[in-house]
């Protein structure tokens, strides 16, 4: 697991109701990244990505763009040790 990392991300902007979560899930699965994504009551999206460092970095970079209909204003990411997540899901 030494080559794996974890990013806990908060995305601000027009990111709810624009397929942001579904597109995040698809992108993460395509890159072999584990974790989850969910909407927050304050309008942000929260996500956790675990996997190879390059793939996690690619997901954090992708969050700045998001789905075609999203308008991302800010992405805040904190990095840490992976917790062993398996698969990628949309949380409700």
N, C-alpha and C. Protein backbone atom coordinates (compact mmCIF):
# COMPACT_ATOMS: atom_id res chain seq x y z
N UNK A 1 0.81 -1.20 0.00
CA UNK A 1 0.00 0.00 0.00
C UNK A 1 0.85 1.26 0.00
N UNK A 2 2.14 1.12 0.00
CA UNK A 2 3.03 2.28 0.08
C UNK A 2 2.87 3.22 -1.11
N UNK A 3 2.47 2.69 -2.26
CA UNK A 3 2.32 3.53 -3.44
C UNK A 3 0.93 4.15 -3.54
N UNK A 4 0.09 3.87 -2.55
CA UNK A 4 -1.28 4.41 -2.57
C UNK A 4 -1.37 5.64 -1.68
N UNK A 5 -2.28 6.54 -2.06
CA UNK A 5 -2.52 7.73 -1.26
C UNK A 5 -4.02 7.98 -1.19
N UNK A 6 -4.39 8.96 -0.39
CA UNK A 6 -5.80 9.31 -0.18
C UNK A 6 -5.94 10.82 -0.29
N UNK A 7 -6.97 11.26 -0.98
CA UNK A 7 -7.32 12.67 -1.04
C UNK A 7 -8.76 12.84 -0.62
N UNK A 8 -9.00 13.76 0.32
CA UNK A 8 -10.34 14.11 0.78
C UNK A 8 -10.62 15.49 0.19
N UNK A 9 -11.65 15.56 -0.66
CA UNK A 9 -11.86 16.73 -1.50
C UNK A 9 -13.23 17.36 -1.25
N UNK A 10 -13.25 18.70 -1.23
CA UNK A 10 -14.49 19.47 -1.20
C UNK A 10 -14.51 20.35 -2.44
N UNK A 11 -15.60 20.28 -3.20
CA UNK A 11 -15.72 21.04 -4.45
C UNK A 11 -16.85 22.05 -4.30
N UNK A 12 -16.56 23.31 -4.61
CA UNK A 12 -17.51 24.40 -4.49
C UNK A 12 -17.86 24.93 -5.88
N UNK A 13 -19.11 25.35 -6.04
CA UNK A 13 -19.57 25.93 -7.30
C UNK A 13 -20.92 25.35 -7.67
N UNK A 14 -21.22 25.37 -8.95
CA UNK A 14 -22.46 24.75 -9.43
C UNK A 14 -22.13 23.29 -9.71
N UNK A 15 -22.23 22.47 -8.66
CA UNK A 15 -21.78 21.08 -8.75
C UNK A 15 -22.85 20.07 -8.32
N UNK A 16 -24.05 20.56 -8.04
CA UNK A 16 -25.16 19.66 -7.72
C UNK A 16 -26.22 19.79 -8.80
N UNK A 17 -26.81 18.66 -9.17
CA UNK A 17 -27.84 18.66 -10.19
C UNK A 17 -27.28 18.78 -11.60
N UNK A 18 -25.99 18.51 -11.76
CA UNK A 18 -25.34 18.64 -13.07
C UNK A 18 -24.53 17.37 -13.41
N UNK A 19 -24.91 16.26 -12.80
CA UNK A 19 -24.27 14.96 -13.04
C UNK A 19 -22.82 14.90 -12.55
N UNK A 20 -22.46 15.77 -11.61
CA UNK A 20 -21.09 15.80 -11.09
C UNK A 20 -20.74 14.48 -10.40
N UNK A 21 -21.62 13.99 -9.53
CA UNK A 21 -21.32 12.76 -8.80
C UNK A 21 -21.20 11.57 -9.73
N UNK A 22 -22.13 11.42 -10.66
CA UNK A 22 -22.10 10.27 -11.58
C UNK A 22 -20.85 10.31 -12.46
N UNK A 23 -20.50 11.49 -12.91
CA UNK A 23 -19.32 11.61 -13.76
C UNK A 23 -18.05 11.36 -12.95
N UNK A 24 -18.03 11.82 -11.70
CA UNK A 24 -16.89 11.54 -10.82
C UNK A 24 -16.73 10.05 -10.63
N UNK A 25 -17.83 9.35 -10.36
CA UNK A 25 -17.78 7.89 -10.20
C UNK A 25 -17.21 7.23 -11.44
N UNK A 26 -17.70 7.62 -12.60
CA UNK A 26 -17.24 7.01 -13.85
C UNK A 26 -15.76 7.27 -14.09
N UNK A 27 -15.31 8.50 -13.84
CA UNK A 27 -13.90 8.85 -14.01
C UNK A 27 -13.02 8.06 -13.04
N UNK A 28 -13.46 7.95 -11.79
CA UNK A 28 -12.68 7.22 -10.79
C UNK A 28 -12.56 5.74 -11.15
N UNK A 29 -13.66 5.14 -11.54
CA UNK A 29 -13.63 3.73 -11.92
C UNK A 29 -12.73 3.51 -13.12
N UNK A 30 -12.77 4.41 -14.08
CA UNK A 30 -11.93 4.29 -15.27
C UNK A 30 -10.44 4.36 -14.92
N UNK A 31 -10.12 5.13 -13.88
CA UNK A 31 -8.73 5.29 -13.46
C UNK A 31 -8.30 4.29 -12.40
N UNK A 32 -9.22 3.43 -11.96
CA UNK A 32 -8.89 2.45 -10.92
C UNK A 32 -8.76 3.06 -9.54
N UNK A 33 -9.52 4.12 -9.28
CA UNK A 33 -9.47 4.81 -7.99
C UNK A 33 -10.68 4.38 -7.15
N UNK A 34 -10.43 4.08 -5.89
CA UNK A 34 -11.49 3.70 -4.96
C UNK A 34 -11.95 4.93 -4.19
N UNK A 35 -13.14 4.84 -3.59
CA UNK A 35 -13.63 5.93 -2.76
C UNK A 35 -15.11 6.16 -2.88
N UNK A 36 -15.52 7.41 -2.69
CA UNK A 36 -16.94 7.77 -2.72
C UNK A 36 -17.09 9.25 -3.02
N UNK A 37 -18.32 9.64 -3.39
CA UNK A 37 -18.66 11.03 -3.66
C UNK A 37 -20.09 11.27 -3.17
N UNK A 38 -20.35 12.48 -2.64
CA UNK A 38 -21.70 12.78 -2.16
C UNK A 38 -21.95 14.28 -2.19
N UNK A 39 -23.23 14.65 -2.28
CA UNK A 39 -23.66 16.04 -2.16
C UNK A 39 -23.73 16.42 -0.69
N UNK A 40 -23.38 17.66 -0.40
CA UNK A 40 -23.54 18.19 0.95
C UNK A 40 -24.70 19.18 0.96
N UNK A 41 -25.29 19.37 2.13
CA UNK A 41 -26.45 20.26 2.26
C UNK A 41 -26.12 21.71 1.90
N UNK A 42 -24.86 22.10 2.00
CA UNK A 42 -24.48 23.49 1.71
C UNK A 42 -24.19 23.74 0.23
N UNK A 43 -24.44 22.74 -0.62
CA UNK A 43 -24.27 22.91 -2.06
C UNK A 43 -22.95 22.41 -2.61
N UNK A 44 -22.03 22.05 -1.71
CA UNK A 44 -20.75 21.51 -2.17
C UNK A 44 -20.87 20.02 -2.45
N UNK A 45 -19.83 19.48 -3.09
CA UNK A 45 -19.68 18.04 -3.25
C UNK A 45 -18.45 17.62 -2.47
N UNK A 46 -18.56 16.51 -1.74
CA UNK A 46 -17.44 15.95 -0.98
C UNK A 46 -17.07 14.62 -1.62
N UNK A 47 -15.77 14.35 -1.72
CA UNK A 47 -15.33 13.09 -2.30
C UNK A 47 -14.06 12.62 -1.61
N UNK A 48 -13.86 11.31 -1.61
CA UNK A 48 -12.62 10.70 -1.15
C UNK A 48 -12.11 9.82 -2.26
N UNK A 49 -10.83 9.96 -2.58
CA UNK A 49 -10.18 9.15 -3.61
C UNK A 49 -9.02 8.41 -2.97
N UNK A 50 -8.93 7.10 -3.22
CA UNK A 50 -7.80 6.31 -2.77
C UNK A 50 -7.28 5.49 -3.94
N UNK A 51 -5.97 5.44 -4.06
CA UNK A 51 -5.38 4.66 -5.13
C UNK A 51 -3.95 5.06 -5.38
N UNK A 52 -3.40 4.64 -6.52
CA UNK A 52 -2.04 5.04 -6.87
C UNK A 52 -1.95 6.56 -6.91
N UNK A 53 -0.85 7.11 -6.44
CA UNK A 53 -0.70 8.56 -6.32
C UNK A 53 -1.02 9.29 -7.62
N UNK A 54 -0.52 8.79 -8.74
CA UNK A 54 -0.77 9.46 -10.02
C UNK A 54 -2.26 9.50 -10.35
N UNK A 55 -2.97 8.40 -10.10
CA UNK A 55 -4.39 8.32 -10.40
C UNK A 55 -5.20 9.24 -9.48
N UNK A 56 -4.82 9.30 -8.20
CA UNK A 56 -5.51 10.19 -7.26
C UNK A 56 -5.27 11.64 -7.65
N UNK A 57 -4.04 11.98 -8.01
CA UNK A 57 -3.74 13.35 -8.46
C UNK A 57 -4.56 13.70 -9.70
N UNK A 58 -4.71 12.74 -10.61
CA UNK A 58 -5.50 12.96 -11.82
C UNK A 58 -6.96 13.23 -11.47
N UNK A 59 -7.49 12.54 -10.47
CA UNK A 59 -8.87 12.76 -10.05
C UNK A 59 -9.03 14.14 -9.41
N UNK A 60 -8.08 14.55 -8.58
CA UNK A 60 -8.15 15.88 -7.97
C UNK A 60 -8.10 16.95 -9.06
N UNK A 61 -7.23 16.76 -10.04
CA UNK A 61 -7.16 17.71 -11.16
C UNK A 61 -8.47 17.71 -11.93
N UNK A 62 -9.06 16.54 -12.14
CA UNK A 62 -10.33 16.43 -12.87
C UNK A 62 -11.43 17.19 -12.13
N UNK A 63 -11.40 17.18 -10.81
CA UNK A 63 -12.43 17.87 -10.02
C UNK A 63 -12.51 19.35 -10.34
N UNK A 64 -11.44 19.95 -10.80
CA UNK A 64 -11.45 21.37 -11.15
C UNK A 64 -12.32 21.64 -12.38
N UNK A 65 -12.55 20.63 -13.19
CA UNK A 65 -13.40 20.76 -14.38
C UNK A 65 -14.78 20.16 -14.12
N UNK A 66 -14.80 18.91 -13.69
CA UNK A 66 -16.06 18.24 -13.38
C UNK A 66 -16.85 17.87 -14.62
N UNK A 67 -18.13 17.65 -14.42
CA UNK A 67 -19.01 17.26 -15.53
C UNK A 67 -19.19 18.43 -16.48
N UNK A 68 -19.71 18.14 -17.67
CA UNK A 68 -19.86 19.17 -18.70
C UNK A 68 -20.70 20.36 -18.24
N UNK A 69 -21.71 20.10 -17.40
CA UNK A 69 -22.63 21.17 -16.99
C UNK A 69 -22.21 21.87 -15.69
N UNK A 70 -21.15 21.39 -15.04
CA UNK A 70 -20.70 21.97 -13.78
C UNK A 70 -19.93 23.27 -14.01
N UNK A 71 -19.96 24.11 -12.99
CA UNK A 71 -19.10 25.31 -12.96
C UNK A 71 -18.37 25.29 -11.62
N UNK A 72 -17.17 24.80 -11.63
CA UNK A 72 -16.39 24.65 -10.40
C UNK A 72 -15.73 25.98 -10.05
N UNK A 73 -15.90 26.38 -8.78
CA UNK A 73 -15.29 27.62 -8.29
C UNK A 73 -14.03 27.33 -7.49
N UNK A 74 -14.02 26.24 -6.72
CA UNK A 74 -12.87 25.94 -5.87
C UNK A 74 -12.83 24.45 -5.56
N UNK A 75 -11.62 23.94 -5.40
CA UNK A 75 -11.40 22.56 -4.98
C UNK A 75 -10.40 22.59 -3.83
N UNK A 76 -10.81 22.04 -2.69
CA UNK A 76 -9.94 21.97 -1.52
C UNK A 76 -9.64 20.50 -1.27
N UNK A 77 -8.37 20.13 -1.30
CA UNK A 77 -7.99 18.72 -1.12
C UNK A 77 -6.99 18.59 0.02
N UNK A 78 -7.24 17.59 0.87
CA UNK A 78 -6.30 17.23 1.94
C UNK A 78 -5.84 15.81 1.68
N UNK A 79 -4.56 15.57 1.83
CA UNK A 79 -3.99 14.25 1.55
C UNK A 79 -3.63 13.54 2.83
N UNK A 80 -3.74 12.21 2.78
CA UNK A 80 -3.41 11.40 3.94
C UNK A 80 -3.18 9.96 3.54
N UNK A 81 -3.15 9.11 4.56
CA UNK A 81 -2.94 7.69 4.33
C UNK A 81 -4.25 7.02 3.95
N UNK A 82 -4.21 6.09 2.98
CA UNK A 82 -5.44 5.40 2.58
C UNK A 82 -5.99 4.54 3.72
N UNK A 83 -7.31 4.36 3.69
CA UNK A 83 -7.99 3.57 4.72
C UNK A 83 -8.44 2.22 4.19
N UNK A 84 -8.11 1.90 2.94
CA UNK A 84 -8.44 0.59 2.40
C UNK A 84 -9.80 0.50 1.74
N UNK A 85 -10.29 1.59 1.20
CA UNK A 85 -11.58 1.56 0.49
C UNK A 85 -11.48 0.65 -0.72
N UNK A 86 -12.60 0.03 -1.07
CA UNK A 86 -12.63 -0.88 -2.22
C UNK A 86 -13.84 -0.53 -3.08
N UNK A 87 -13.59 -0.17 -4.34
CA UNK A 87 -14.67 0.22 -5.24
C UNK A 87 -14.95 1.71 -5.10
N UNK A 88 -15.87 2.21 -5.93
CA UNK A 88 -16.24 3.63 -5.87
C UNK A 88 -17.75 3.74 -5.91
N UNK A 89 -18.29 4.52 -4.97
CA UNK A 89 -19.75 4.62 -4.87
C UNK A 89 -20.20 6.07 -4.72
N UNK A 90 -21.46 6.28 -5.09
CA UNK A 90 -22.13 7.55 -4.83
C UNK A 90 -22.87 7.38 -3.50
N UNK A 91 -22.56 8.22 -2.54
CA UNK A 91 -23.26 8.18 -1.26
C UNK A 91 -24.39 9.19 -1.28
N UNK A 92 -25.44 8.87 -0.54
CA UNK A 92 -26.60 9.76 -0.49
C UNK A 92 -26.79 10.29 0.91
